[in-house]
PDB file of N, CA and C in Angstrom:
ATOM      1  N   UNK A   1       0.806  -1.090   0.083  1.00  0.00           N
ATOM      2  CA  UNK A   1      -0.033   0.085  -0.009  1.00  0.00           C
ATOM      3  C   UNK A   1       0.877   1.340   0.014  1.00  0.00           C
ATOM      4  N   UNK A   2       0.484   2.154  -0.840  1.00  0.00           N
ATOM      5  CA  UNK A   2       1.383   3.473  -0.921  1.00  0.00           C
ATOM      6  C   UNK A   2       0.979   4.330   0.065  1.00  0.00           C
ATOM      7  N   UNK A   3       2.189   4.887   0.702  1.00  0.00           N
ATOM      8  CA  UNK A   3       2.004   5.927   1.918  1.00  0.00           C
ATOM      9  C   UNK A   3       1.760   7.251   1.188  1.00  0.00           C
ATOM     10  N   UNK A   4       0.821   8.121   1.803  1.00  0.00           N
ATOM     11  CA  UNK A   4       0.447   9.447   1.320  1.00  0.00           C
ATOM     12  C   UNK A   4       1.659  10.444   1.782  1.00  0.00           C
ATOM     13  N   UNK A   5       1.619  11.467   1.178  1.00  0.00           N
ATOM     14  CA  UNK A   5       2.617  12.490   1.374  1.00  0.00           C
ATOM     15  C   UNK A   5       2.456  12.963   2.831  1.00  0.00           C
ATOM     16  N   UNK A   6       1.222  13.328   3.217  1.00  0.00           N
ATOM     17  CA  UNK A   6       0.942  13.603   4.639  1.00  0.00           C
ATOM     18  C   UNK A   6       1.303  12.664   5.648  1.00  0.00           C
ATOM     19  N   UNK A   7       1.071  11.407   5.441  1.00  0.00           N
ATOM     20  CA  UNK A   7       1.468  10.474   6.203  1.00  0.00           C
ATOM     21  C   UNK A   7       2.976  10.245   6.474  1.00  0.00           C
ATOM     22  N   UNK A   8       3.738  10.567   5.299  1.00  0.00           N
ATOM     23  CA  UNK A   8       5.156  10.395   5.306  1.00  0.00           C
ATOM     24  C   UNK A   8       5.850  11.593   6.072  1.00  0.00           C
ATOM     25  N   UNK A   9       5.170  12.884   6.048  1.00  0.00           N
ATOM     26  CA  UNK A   9       5.429  13.985   6.707  1.00  0.00           C
ATOM     27  C   UNK A   9       5.253  13.824   8.247  1.00  0.00           C
ATOM     28  N   UNK A  10       4.149  13.172   8.481  1.00  0.00           N
ATOM     29  CA  UNK A  10       3.711  13.107  10.007  1.00  0.00           C
ATOM     30  C   UNK A  10       4.735  11.932  10.536  1.00  0.00           C
ATOM     31  N   UNK A  11       5.105  11.035   9.991  1.00  0.00           N
ATOM     32  CA  UNK A  11       6.006   9.980  10.353  1.00  0.00           C
ATOM     33  C   UNK A  11       7.355  10.669  10.575  1.00  0.00           C
ATOM     34  N   UNK A  12       7.789  11.507   9.738  1.00  0.00           N
ATOM     35  CA  UNK A  12       9.173  11.988   9.876  1.00  0.00           C
ATOM     36  C   UNK A  12       9.152  12.935  11.044  1.00  0.00           C
ATOM     37  N   UNK A  13       8.072  13.948  11.007  1.00  0.00           N
ATOM     38  CA  UNK A  13       8.030  14.828  12.191  1.00  0.00           C
ATOM     39  C   UNK A  13       8.125  13.866  13.566  1.00  0.00           C
ATOM     40  N   UNK A  14       7.310  12.858  13.559  1.00  0.00           N
ATOM     41  CA  UNK A  14       7.350  12.142  15.007  1.00  0.00           C
ATOM     42  C   UNK A  14       8.885  11.530  15.173  1.00  0.00           C
ATOM     43  N   UNK A  15       9.541  11.017  14.295  1.00  0.00           N
ATOM     44  CA  UNK A  15      10.841  10.603  14.386  1.00  0.00           C
ATOM     45  C   UNK A  15      11.775  11.789  14.875  1.00  0.00           C
ATOM     46  N   UNK A  16      11.791  12.939  14.176  1.00  0.00           N
ATOM     47  CA  UNK A  16      12.569  13.880  14.596  1.00  0.00           C
ATOM     48  C   UNK A  16      12.325  14.362  15.894  1.00  0.00           C
ATOM     49  N   UNK A  17      10.809  14.671  16.173  1.00  0.00           N
ATOM     50  CA  UNK A  17      10.507  14.982  17.589  1.00  0.00           C
ATOM     51  C   UNK A  17      11.078  13.997  18.646  1.00  0.00           C
ATOM     52  N   UNK A  18      10.917  12.618  18.513  1.00  0.00           N
ATOM     53  CA  UNK A  18      11.379  11.695  19.379  1.00  0.00           C
ATOM     54  C   UNK A  18      12.862  11.822  19.553  1.00  0.00           C
ATOM     55  N   UNK A  19      13.623  12.134  18.375  1.00  0.00           N
ATOM     56  CA  UNK A  19      15.085  12.111  18.422  1.00  0.00           C
ATOM     57  C   UNK A  19      15.651  13.238  19.091  1.00  0.00           C
ATOM     58  N   UNK A  20      14.899  14.409  19.245  1.00  0.00           N
ATOM     59  CA  UNK A  20      15.390  15.630  19.825  1.00  0.00           C
ATOM     60  C   UNK A  20      16.318  15.343  21.184  1.00  0.00           C
ATOM     61  N   UNK A  21      15.609  14.578  22.097  1.00  0.00           N
ATOM     62  CA  UNK A  21      16.203  14.616  23.457  1.00  0.00           C
ATOM     63  C   UNK A  21      17.586  13.783  23.415  1.00  0.00           C
ATOM     64  N   UNK A  22      18.084  12.930  22.309  1.00  0.00           N
ATOM     65  CA  UNK A  22      19.175  12.381  22.368  1.00  0.00           C
ATOM     66  C   UNK A  22      20.155  12.821  21.110  1.00  0.00           C
ATOM     67  N   UNK A  23      19.516  13.644  20.394  1.00  0.00           N
ATOM     68  CA  UNK A  23      20.258  14.003  19.083  1.00  0.00           C
ATOM     69  C   UNK A  23      21.771  14.588  19.434  1.00  0.00           C
ATOM     70  N   UNK A  24      21.924  15.263  20.309  1.00  0.00           N
ATOM     71  CA  UNK A  24      23.246  15.731  20.614  1.00  0.00           C
ATOM     72  C   UNK A  24      24.277  14.745  20.930  1.00  0.00           C
ATOM     73  N   UNK A  25      23.871  13.672  21.610  1.00  0.00           N
ATOM     74  CA  UNK A  25      24.536  12.536  21.850  1.00  0.00           C
ATOM     75  C   UNK A  25      24.833  11.483  20.863  1.00  0.00           C
ATOM     76  N   UNK A  26      24.081  11.542  19.664  1.00  0.00           N
ATOM     77  CA  UNK A  26      24.031  10.701  18.648  1.00  0.00           C
ATOM     78  C   UNK A  26      25.406  10.428  18.076  1.00  0.00           C
ATOM     79  N   UNK A  27      25.874   9.254  17.822  1.00  0.00           N
ATOM     80  CA  UNK A  27      27.113   8.991  17.043  1.00  0.00           C
ATOM     81  C   UNK A  27      27.311   9.851  15.756  1.00  0.00           C
ATOM     82  N   UNK A  28      26.038   9.819  15.073  1.00  0.00           N
ATOM     83  CA  UNK A  28      26.243  10.778  13.800  1.00  0.00           C
ATOM     84  C   UNK A  28      26.681  12.146  14.165  1.00  0.00           C
ATOM     85  N   UNK A  29      26.305  12.711  15.231  1.00  0.00           N
ATOM     86  CA  UNK A  29      26.773  14.097  15.568  1.00  0.00           C
ATOM     87  C   UNK A  29      28.148  14.094  15.754  1.00  0.00           C
ATOM     88  N   UNK A  30      28.813  13.040  16.360  1.00  0.00           N
ATOM     89  CA  UNK A  30      30.181  12.972  16.796  1.00  0.00           C
ATOM     90  C   UNK A  30      31.010  12.675  15.566  1.00  0.00           C
ATOM     91  N   UNK A  31      30.517  11.910  14.596  1.00  0.00           N
ATOM     92  CA  UNK A  31      31.356  11.385  13.535  1.00  0.00           C
ATOM     93  C   UNK A  31      31.175  12.322  12.105  1.00  0.00           C
ATOM     94  N   UNK A  32      30.026  12.826  11.925  1.00  0.00           N
ATOM     95  CA  UNK A  32      29.713  13.438  10.853  1.00  0.00           C
ATOM     96  C   UNK A  32      29.314  14.833  10.824  1.00  0.00           C
ATOM     97  N   UNK A  33      28.469  15.362  11.686  1.00  0.00           N
ATOM     98  CA  UNK A  33      27.955  16.463  11.910  1.00  0.00           C
ATOM     99  C   UNK A  33      28.955  17.661  12.530  1.00  0.00           C
ATOM    100  N   UNK A  34      29.272  17.237  13.541  1.00  0.00           N
ATOM    101  CA  UNK A  34      30.317  18.252  14.383  1.00  0.00           C
ATOM    102  C   UNK A  34      31.517  18.496  13.434  1.00  0.00           C
ATOM    103  N   UNK A  35      32.285  17.516  12.883  1.00  0.00           N
ATOM    104  CA  UNK A  35      33.365  17.890  12.033  1.00  0.00           C
ATOM    105  C   UNK A  35      32.912  18.587  10.926  1.00  0.00           C
ATOM    106  N   UNK A  36      31.743  18.552  10.394  1.00  0.00           N
ATOM    107  CA  UNK A  36      31.246  19.398   9.295  1.00  0.00           C
ATOM    108  C   UNK A  36      31.060  20.860   9.791  1.00  0.00           C
ATOM    109  N   UNK A  37      30.443  20.974  11.038  1.00  0.00           N
ATOM    110  CA  UNK A  37      30.233  22.213  11.651  1.00  0.00           C
ATOM    111  C   UNK A  37      31.495  23.045  11.745  1.00  0.00           C
ATOM    112  N   UNK A  38      32.587  22.272  12.234  1.00  0.00           N
ATOM    113  CA  UNK A  38      33.846  22.976  12.384  1.00  0.00           C
ATOM    114  C   UNK A  38      34.436  23.293  11.054  1.00  0.00           C
ATOM    115  N   UNK A  39      34.271  22.605  10.069  1.00  0.00           N
ATOM    116  CA  UNK A  39      34.738  22.971   8.708  1.00  0.00           C
ATOM    117  C   UNK A  39      33.998  24.261   8.169  1.00  0.00           C
ATOM    118  N   UNK A  40      32.598  24.254   8.545  1.00  0.00           N
ATOM    119  CA  UNK A  40      31.901  25.424   8.041  1.00  0.00           C
ATOM    120  C   UNK A  40      32.330  26.607   8.788  1.00  0.00           C
ATOM    121  N   UNK A  41      32.710  26.534  10.106  1.00  0.00           N
ATOM    122  CA  UNK A  41      33.107  27.693  10.944  1.00  0.00           C
ATOM    123  C   UNK A  41      34.437  28.052  10.368  1.00  0.00           C
ATOM    124  N   UNK A  42      35.566  27.364  10.042  1.00  0.00           N
ATOM    125  CA  UNK A  42      36.751  27.623   9.445  1.00  0.00           C
ATOM    126  C   UNK A  42      36.510  28.381   8.168  1.00  0.00           C
ATOM    127  N   UNK A  43      35.753  27.994   7.321  1.00  0.00           N
ATOM    128  CA  UNK A  43      35.281  28.674   6.133  1.00  0.00           C
ATOM    129  C   UNK A  43      34.800  29.885   6.255  1.00  0.00           C
ATOM    130  N   UNK A  44      33.751  30.132   7.080  1.00  0.00           N
ATOM    131  CA  UNK A  44      33.294  31.383   7.384  1.00  0.00           C
ATOM    132  C   UNK A  44      34.389  32.312   8.124  1.00  0.00           C
ATOM    133  N   UNK A  45      35.237  31.752   9.091  1.00  0.00           N
ATOM    134  CA  UNK A  45      36.301  32.610   9.555  1.00  0.00           C
ATOM    135  C   UNK A  45      37.081  33.256   8.546  1.00  0.00           C
ATOM    136  N   UNK A  46      37.550  32.211   7.544  1.00  0.00           N
ATOM    137  CA  UNK A  46      38.476  32.667   6.559  1.00  0.00           C
ATOM    138  C   UNK A  46      37.762  33.783   5.527  1.00  0.00           C
ATOM    139  N   UNK A  47      36.493  33.633   5.305  1.00  0.00           N
ATOM    140  CA  UNK A  47      35.696  34.611   4.389  1.00  0.00           C
ATOM    141  C   UNK A  47      35.203  35.647   5.173  1.00  0.00           C
ATOM    142  N   UNK A  48      34.533  35.451   6.511  1.00  0.00           N
ATOM    143  CA  UNK A  48      34.095  36.392   7.019  1.00  0.00           C
ATOM    144  C   UNK A  48      35.050  37.505   7.636  1.00  0.00           C
ATOM    145  N   UNK A  49      36.258  37.163   7.811  1.00  0.00           N
ATOM    146  CA  UNK A  49      37.365  38.005   8.347  1.00  0.00           C
ATOM    147  C   UNK A  49      37.543  39.115   7.526  1.00  0.00           C
ATOM    148  N   UNK A  50      37.247  39.091   6.205  1.00  0.00           N
ATOM    149  CA  UNK A  50      37.443  40.141   5.358  1.00  0.00           C
ATOM    150  C   UNK A  50      36.253  41.112   5.122  1.00  0.00           C
ATOM    151  N   UNK A  51      35.126  40.743   5.772  1.00  0.00           N
ATOM    152  CA  UNK A  51      33.918  41.752   5.742  1.00  0.00           C
ATOM    153  C   UNK A  51      33.796  42.590   7.048  1.00  0.00           C
ATOM    154  N   UNK A  52      33.431  43.815   6.790  1.00  0.00           N
ATOM    155  CA  UNK A  52      33.254  44.693   7.789  1.00  0.00           C
ATOM    156  C   UNK A  52      31.851  44.431   8.412  1.00  0.00           C
ATOM    157  N   UNK A  53      30.872  44.262   7.624  1.00  0.00           N
ATOM    158  CA  UNK A  53      29.519  44.098   8.141  1.00  0.00           C
ATOM    159  C   UNK A  53      29.172  42.598   8.839  1.00  0.00           C
ATOM    160  N   UNK A  54      28.406  42.361   9.677  1.00  0.00           N
ATOM    161  CA  UNK A  54      28.204  41.140  10.186  1.00  0.00           C
ATOM    162  C   UNK A  54      27.643  39.985   9.070  1.00  0.00           C
ATOM    163  N   UNK A  55      27.965  39.009   9.205  1.00  0.00           N
ATOM    164  CA  UNK A  55      27.660  37.799   8.311  1.00  0.00           C
ATOM    165  C   UNK A  55      26.202  37.501   8.722  1.00  0.00           C
ATOM    166  N   UNK A  56      25.343  37.337   7.771  1.00  0.00           N
ATOM    167  CA  UNK A  56      23.876  36.864   8.105  1.00  0.00           C
ATOM    168  C   UNK A  56      23.978  35.375   7.613  1.00  0.00           C
ATOM    169  N   UNK A  57      23.611  34.355   8.431  1.00  0.00           N
ATOM    170  CA  UNK A  57      23.551  32.888   8.176  1.00  0.00           C
ATOM    171  C   UNK A  57      22.342  32.257   8.547  1.00  0.00           C
ATOM    172  N   UNK A  58      21.795  31.649   7.529  1.00  0.00           N
ATOM    173  CA  UNK A  58      20.671  30.742   7.643  1.00  0.00           C
ATOM    174  C   UNK A  58      20.961  29.334   7.894  1.00  0.00           C
ATOM    175  N   UNK A  59      20.729  28.738   9.030  1.00  0.00           N
ATOM    176  CA  UNK A  59      21.008  27.386   9.409  1.00  0.00           C
ATOM    177  C   UNK A  59      19.666  26.549   9.154  1.00  0.00           C
ATOM    178  N   UNK A  60      19.505  26.100   7.890  1.00  0.00           N
ATOM    179  CA  UNK A  60      18.355  25.394   7.565  1.00  0.00           C
ATOM    180  C   UNK A  60      18.409  23.974   7.882  1.00  0.00           C
ATOM    181  N   UNK A  61      17.419  23.585   8.699  1.00  0.00           N
ATOM    182  CA  UNK A  61      17.527  22.156   9.336  1.00  0.00           C
ATOM    183  C   UNK A  61      18.591  22.141  10.496  1.00  0.00           C
ATOM    184  N   UNK A  62      18.249  23.195  11.373  1.00  0.00           N
ATOM    185  CA  UNK A  62      19.220  23.384  12.582  1.00  0.00           C
ATOM    186  C   UNK A  62      19.264  22.292  13.564  1.00  0.00           C
ATOM    187  N   UNK A  63      18.388  21.618  13.502  1.00  0.00           N
ATOM    188  CA  UNK A  63      18.325  20.464  14.609  1.00  0.00           C
ATOM    189  C   UNK A  63      18.259  21.172  15.980  1.00  0.00           C
ATOM    190  N   UNK A  64      19.232  20.772  16.814  1.00  0.00           N
ATOM    191  CA  UNK A  64      19.264  21.422  18.086  1.00  0.00           C
ATOM    192  C   UNK A  64      20.128  22.766  18.200  1.00  0.00           C
ATOM    193  N   UNK A  65      20.517  23.094  17.169  1.00  0.00           N
ATOM    194  CA  UNK A  65      21.160  24.366  17.153  1.00  0.00           C
ATOM    195  C   UNK A  65      22.800  24.288  17.324  1.00  0.00           C
ATOM    196  N   UNK A  66      23.248  23.206  17.195  1.00  0.00           N
ATOM    197  CA  UNK A  66      24.810  23.112  17.552  1.00  0.00           C
ATOM    198  C   UNK A  66      25.474  23.839  16.497  1.00  0.00           C
ATOM    199  N   UNK A  67      25.318  24.064  15.266  1.00  0.00           N
ATOM    200  CA  UNK A  67      26.046  24.862  14.337  1.00  0.00           C
ATOM    201  C   UNK A  67      25.810  26.397  14.650  1.00  0.00           C
ATOM    202  N   UNK A  68      24.555  26.786  14.810  1.00  0.00           N
ATOM    203  CA  UNK A  68      24.127  28.071  15.219  1.00  0.00           C
ATOM    204  C   UNK A  68      24.861  28.515  16.426  1.00  0.00           C
ATOM    205  N   UNK A  69      24.989  27.673  17.610  1.00  0.00           N
ATOM    206  CA  UNK A  69      25.696  27.885  18.766  1.00  0.00           C
ATOM    207  C   UNK A  69      27.151  28.087  18.477  1.00  0.00           C
ATOM    208  N   UNK A  70      27.827  27.127  17.755  1.00  0.00           N
ATOM    209  CA  UNK A  70      29.032  27.429  17.426  1.00  0.00           C
ATOM    210  C   UNK A  70      29.628  28.682  16.696  1.00  0.00           C
ATOM    211  N   UNK A  71      28.709  29.061  15.771  1.00  0.00           N
ATOM    212  CA  UNK A  71      28.931  30.224  15.067  1.00  0.00           C
ATOM    213  C   UNK A  71      28.759  31.433  15.996  1.00  0.00           C
ATOM    214  N   UNK A  72      27.570  31.591  16.854  1.00  0.00           N
ATOM    215  CA  UNK A  72      27.392  32.473  17.699  1.00  0.00           C
ATOM    216  C   UNK A  72      28.374  32.844  18.717  1.00  0.00           C
ATOM    217  N   UNK A  73      29.150  31.615  19.191  1.00  0.00           N
ATOM    218  CA  UNK A  73      30.189  31.640  20.106  1.00  0.00           C
ATOM    219  C   UNK A  73      31.481  31.842  19.701  1.00  0.00           C
ATOM    220  N   UNK A  74      31.528  32.069  18.297  1.00  0.00           N
ATOM    221  CA  UNK A  74      33.000  32.375  17.609  1.00  0.00           C
ATOM    222  C   UNK A  74      33.270  33.930  17.619  1.00  0.00           C
ATOM    223  N   UNK A  75      34.327  34.276  17.018  1.00  0.00           N
ATOM    224  CA  UNK A  75      34.807  35.568  16.882  1.00  0.00           C
ATOM    225  C   UNK A  75      34.088  36.362  15.890  1.00  0.00           C
ATOM    226  N   UNK A  76      33.483  35.557  15.011  1.00  0.00           N
ATOM    227  CA  UNK A  76      32.804  36.246  13.689  1.00  0.00           C
ATOM    228  C   UNK A  76      31.716  37.144  14.212  1.00  0.00           C
ATOM    229  N   UNK A  77      31.847  38.291  13.496  1.00  0.00           N
ATOM    230  CA  UNK A  77      30.338  39.140  13.625  1.00  0.00           C
ATOM    231  C   UNK A  77      29.353  38.639  12.881  1.00  0.00           C
ATOM    232  N   UNK A  78      28.558  37.790  13.553  1.00  0.00           N
ATOM    233  CA  UNK A  78      27.622  36.940  12.774  1.00  0.00           C
ATOM    234  C   UNK A  78      26.209  37.076  13.465  1.00  0.00           C
ATOM    235  N   UNK A  79      25.088  37.074  12.535  1.00  0.00           N
ATOM    236  CA  UNK A  79      23.765  36.937  12.971  1.00  0.00           C
ATOM    237  C   UNK A  79      23.251  35.610  12.403  1.00  0.00           C
ATOM    238  N   UNK A  80      22.847  34.595  13.330  1.00  0.00           N
ATOM    239  CA  UNK A  80      22.379  33.320  12.846  1.00  0.00           C
ATOM    240  C   UNK A  80      20.780  33.219  13.105  1.00  0.00           C
ATOM    241  N   UNK A  81      20.149  32.605  12.016  1.00  0.00           N
ATOM    242  CA  UNK A  81      18.768  32.380  12.065  1.00  0.00           C
ATOM    243  C   UNK A  81      18.694  30.730  11.810  1.00  0.00           C
ATOM    244  N   UNK A  82      18.130  30.061  12.733  1.00  0.00           N
ATOM    245  CA  UNK A  82      18.026  28.555  12.586  1.00  0.00           C
ATOM    246  C   UNK A  82      16.542  28.215  12.355  1.00  0.00           C
ATOM    247  N   UNK A  83      16.329  27.258  11.561  1.00  0.00           N
ATOM    248  CA  UNK A  83      15.088  26.782  11.056  1.00  0.00           C
ATOM    249  C   UNK A  83      14.964  25.212  11.151  1.00  0.00           C
ATOM    250  N   UNK A  84      13.951  24.583  11.527  1.00  0.00           N
ATOM    251  CA  UNK A  84      13.795  23.167  11.752  1.00  0.00           C
ATOM    252  C   UNK A  84      12.467  22.695  11.645  1.00  0.00           C
ATOM    253  N   UNK A  85      12.393  21.534  11.346  1.00  0.00           N
ATOM    254  CA  UNK A  85      10.918  21.125  10.933  1.00  0.00           C
ATOM    255  C   UNK A  85      10.322  20.601  12.191  1.00  0.00           C
ATOM    256  N   UNK A  86      11.295  19.968  13.091  1.00  0.00           N
ATOM    257  CA  UNK A  86      10.764  19.493  14.369  1.00  0.00           C
ATOM    258  C   UNK A  86      10.893  20.495  15.534  1.00  0.00           C
ATOM    259  N   UNK A  87       9.623  20.772  16.112  1.00  0.00           N
ATOM    260  CA  UNK A  87       9.374  21.686  17.310  1.00  0.00           C
ATOM    261  C   UNK A  87      10.329  21.508  18.471  1.00  0.00           C
ATOM    262  N   UNK A  88      10.522  20.191  19.021  1.00  0.00           N
ATOM    263  CA  UNK A  88      11.401  19.940  20.007  1.00  0.00           C
ATOM    264  C   UNK A  88      12.964  20.343  19.666  1.00  0.00           C
ATOM    265  N   UNK A  89      13.244  20.141  18.461  1.00  0.00           N
ATOM    266  CA  UNK A  89      14.584  20.502  18.152  1.00  0.00           C
ATOM    267  C   UNK A  89      14.817  22.119  18.286  1.00  0.00           C
ATOM    268  N   UNK A  90      13.769  22.788  17.659  1.00  0.00           N
ATOM    269  CA  UNK A  90      13.849  24.304  17.698  1.00  0.00           C
ATOM    270  C   UNK A  90      13.844  24.769  19.192  1.00  0.00           C
ATOM    271  N   UNK A  91      13.112  23.978  20.124  1.00  0.00           N
ATOM    272  CA  UNK A  91      13.100  24.397  21.507  1.00  0.00           C
ATOM    273  C   UNK A  91      14.455  24.209  22.168  1.00  0.00           C
ATOM    274  N   UNK A  92      15.027  23.076  21.839  1.00  0.00           N
ATOM    275  CA  UNK A  92      16.345  22.796  22.410  1.00  0.00           C
ATOM    276  C   UNK A  92      17.512  23.923  21.711  1.00  0.00           C
ATOM    277  N   UNK A  93      17.326  24.268  20.472  1.00  0.00           N
ATOM    278  CA  UNK A  93      18.328  25.220  19.830  1.00  0.00           C
ATOM    279  C   UNK A  93      17.997  26.376  20.657  1.00  0.00           C
ATOM    280  N   UNK A  94      16.822  26.912  20.913  1.00  0.00           N
ATOM    281  CA  UNK A  94      16.541  28.143  21.508  1.00  0.00           C
ATOM    282  C   UNK A  94      17.153  28.327  22.966  1.00  0.00           C
ATOM    283  N   UNK A  95      17.260  27.148  23.710  1.00  0.00           N
ATOM    284  CA  UNK A  95      17.959  27.072  24.958  1.00  0.00           C
ATOM    285  C   UNK A  95      19.326  27.198  24.893  1.00  0.00           C
ATOM    286  N   UNK A  96      20.067  26.735  23.594  1.00  0.00           N
ATOM    287  CA  UNK A  96      21.522  26.975  23.561  1.00  0.00           C
ATOM    288  C   UNK A  96      21.989  28.466  23.304  1.00  0.00           C
TER     289      UNK A  96
END
């Protein structure tokens, strides 16, 4: 039986909502996402260091806000907006 688009969206939302509490401790974060966040920061530091105005960064699919937090805590003059499909992920990001 074919699953409808709305059923797929609802299932994805439930999965990400449930994952929010353990997302930061996930092995995927340590092995894949965090190294990618650090590379992103390095690139923005190299690029953003030449700009006088603050950088404006959209973190689409921000999850719990790890990248946004890393950028906000850096020496970069940066304004970060995070967006995520899962409400609990956004709530955790806002607390960071």
